[in-house]
Amino acid sequence: MRFFVLAIAVLLSACASSSAIVTGTARPPLTPDQVRLYDAPPPVFEVIGIIQSQANDGVLDQWNTNLAMAELKERAARLGANGLIIDEAGGQSSGSVQLGPSPTIAIKARAIFVPAPSEQK
């Protein structure tokens, strides 16, 4: 029973945060599932802003990365961006006392708008 209570406490303490700087023109909000991740810049795009996200839930690197990416997509969607170009990603050790290693995953990306092919010049 103690383990169960501890496991629930760890899962409930999941933490992800983000911030955004609008450098272009924001567009009407989208849903996070409409935001595409680009491994290279598309041929035509407009930068809407710069977004930073970080996560530290005290469990696993991959879990933290997933939380940070979800937060990044959520923030980009609110700006009306339909794409993200990752500029920086990495982890750093947390200074807090944890049950095990708990790196904070930080991601910095450009929130972009990619017009439909029929709208590109």
Protein backbone atom coordinates (compact mmCIF):
# COMPACT_ATOMS: atom_id res chain seq x y z
CA MET A 1 0.00 0.00 0.00
CA ARG A 2 2.83 2.42 0.81
CA PHE A 3 4.36 1.80 -2.61
CA PHE A 4 1.02 2.52 -4.28
CA VAL A 5 0.62 5.82 -2.42
CA LEU A 6 4.22 6.77 -3.25
CA ALA A 7 3.72 5.90 -6.93
CA ILE A 8 0.59 8.06 -7.11
CA ALA A 9 2.41 10.95 -5.42
CA VAL A 10 5.25 10.75 -7.95
CA LEU A 11 2.86 10.68 -10.91
CA LEU A 12 0.83 13.61 -9.59
CA SER A 13 3.97 15.68 -9.19
CA ALA A 14 4.63 15.68 -12.95
CA CYS A 15 5.62 19.16 -13.95
CA ALA A 16 5.96 20.81 -17.33
CA SER A 17 6.11 24.51 -18.08
CA SER A 18 6.65 26.73 -21.08
CA SER A 19 7.14 30.31 -22.13
CA ALA A 20 6.81 32.06 -25.47
CA ILE A 21 8.11 35.21 -27.11
CA VAL A 22 6.03 36.33 -30.09
CA THR A 23 8.37 37.62 -32.79
CA GLY A 24 5.95 37.50 -35.73
CA THR A 25 2.22 37.59 -36.22
CA ALA A 26 0.13 35.26 -34.08
CA ARG A 27 -2.67 33.45 -35.87
CA PRO A 28 -5.97 31.94 -34.68
CA PRO A 29 -5.39 29.10 -32.20
CA LEU A 30 -5.11 25.51 -33.41
CA THR A 31 -5.15 22.19 -31.57
CA PRO A 32 -1.85 20.57 -30.52
CA ASP A 33 -2.42 17.63 -32.89
CA GLN A 34 -2.29 20.11 -35.81
CA VAL A 35 1.30 21.10 -34.89
CA ARG A 36 3.92 19.21 -36.92
CA LEU A 37 7.51 18.69 -35.81
CA TYR A 38 10.09 19.43 -38.52
CA ASP A 39 13.59 17.92 -38.46
CA ALA A 40 14.68 20.50 -41.05
CA PRO A 41 13.12 23.85 -41.97
CA PRO A 42 10.48 23.55 -44.69
CA PRO A 43 11.11 25.52 -47.90
CA VAL A 44 8.53 28.20 -47.03
CA PHE A 45 7.56 29.22 -43.49
CA GLU A 46 6.96 32.22 -41.25
CA VAL A 47 8.32 32.38 -37.71
CA ILE A 48 5.59 33.25 -35.20
CA GLY A 49 7.68 33.04 -32.07
CA ILE A 50 10.23 31.29 -29.90
CA ILE A 51 9.02 28.78 -27.34
CA GLN A 52 10.85 27.16 -24.46
CA SER A 53 9.53 24.18 -22.55
CA GLN A 54 10.89 22.12 -19.70
CA ALA A 55 9.72 19.11 -17.74
CA ASN A 56 10.82 17.24 -14.66
CA ASP A 57 8.54 14.59 -13.22
CA GLY A 58 11.11 12.62 -11.23
CA VAL A 59 10.73 9.40 -13.22
CA LEU A 60 12.28 8.86 -16.67
CA ASP A 61 14.11 10.89 -19.32
CA GLN A 62 11.68 9.80 -22.03
CA TRP A 63 8.66 10.69 -19.90
CA ASN A 64 10.15 14.15 -19.27
CA THR A 65 10.84 14.58 -22.99
CA ASN A 66 7.25 13.61 -23.84
CA LEU A 67 5.90 16.07 -21.26
CA ALA A 68 8.12 18.89 -22.58
CA MET A 69 7.11 18.16 -26.20
CA ALA A 70 3.40 18.09 -25.32
CA GLU A 71 3.76 21.44 -23.54
CA LEU A 72 5.67 22.84 -26.54
CA LYS A 73 2.94 21.76 -28.99
CA GLU A 74 0.22 23.16 -26.71
CA ARG A 75 1.94 26.56 -26.53
CA ALA A 76 2.63 26.61 -30.30
CA ALA A 77 -1.01 25.76 -31.05
CA ARG A 78 -2.18 28.66 -28.88
CA LEU A 79 -0.08 30.99 -31.05
CA GLY A 80 -1.59 29.54 -34.23
CA ALA A 81 1.62 27.80 -35.27
CA ASN A 82 1.23 24.63 -37.31
CA GLY A 83 4.89 23.65 -37.04
CA LEU A 84 7.89 23.52 -34.71
CA ILE A 85 11.59 23.55 -35.53
CA ILE A 86 13.64 22.33 -32.56
CA ASP A 87 16.70 24.53 -32.04
CA GLU A 88 17.98 23.21 -28.69
CA ALA A 89 17.18 20.18 -26.54
CA GLY A 90 18.91 18.71 -23.54
CA GLY A 91 18.77 17.65 -19.95
CA GLN A 92 20.26 18.85 -16.73
CA SER A 93 20.32 17.40 -13.26
CA SER A 94 17.75 18.62 -10.81
CA GLY A 95 19.02 20.07 -7.54
CA SER A 96 16.09 18.68 -5.60
CA VAL A 97 16.09 15.47 -3.61
CA GLN A 98 14.52 12.69 -5.69
CA LEU A 99 14.16 8.93 -5.47
CA GLY A 100 16.58 8.56 -8.37
CA PRO A 101 18.09 10.55 -11.20
CA SER A 102 15.65 13.15 -12.41
CA PRO A 103 16.96 15.33 -15.20
CA THR A 104 15.04 18.37 -16.28
CA ILE A 105 14.48 18.19 -20.02
CA ALA A 106 14.56 21.62 -21.69
CA ILE A 107 13.60 22.27 -25.32
CA LYS A 108 13.77 25.51 -27.30
CA ALA A 109 12.00 25.75 -30.65
CA ARG A 110 10.74 28.15 -33.28
CA ALA A 111 6.96 28.14 -33.63
CA ILE A 112 6.26 28.49 -37.34
CA PHE A 113 3.39 28.74 -39.77
CA VAL A 114 3.74 26.72 -42.97
CA PRO A 115 1.22 27.76 -45.64
CA ALA A 116 -0.59 25.10 -47.64
CA PRO A 117 1.18 24.31 -50.96
CA SER A 118 -1.57 26.14 -52.87
CA GLU A 119 -0.86 29.30 -50.82
CA GLN A 120 2.93 29.28 -51.31
CA LYS A 121 4.45 31.77 -53.75
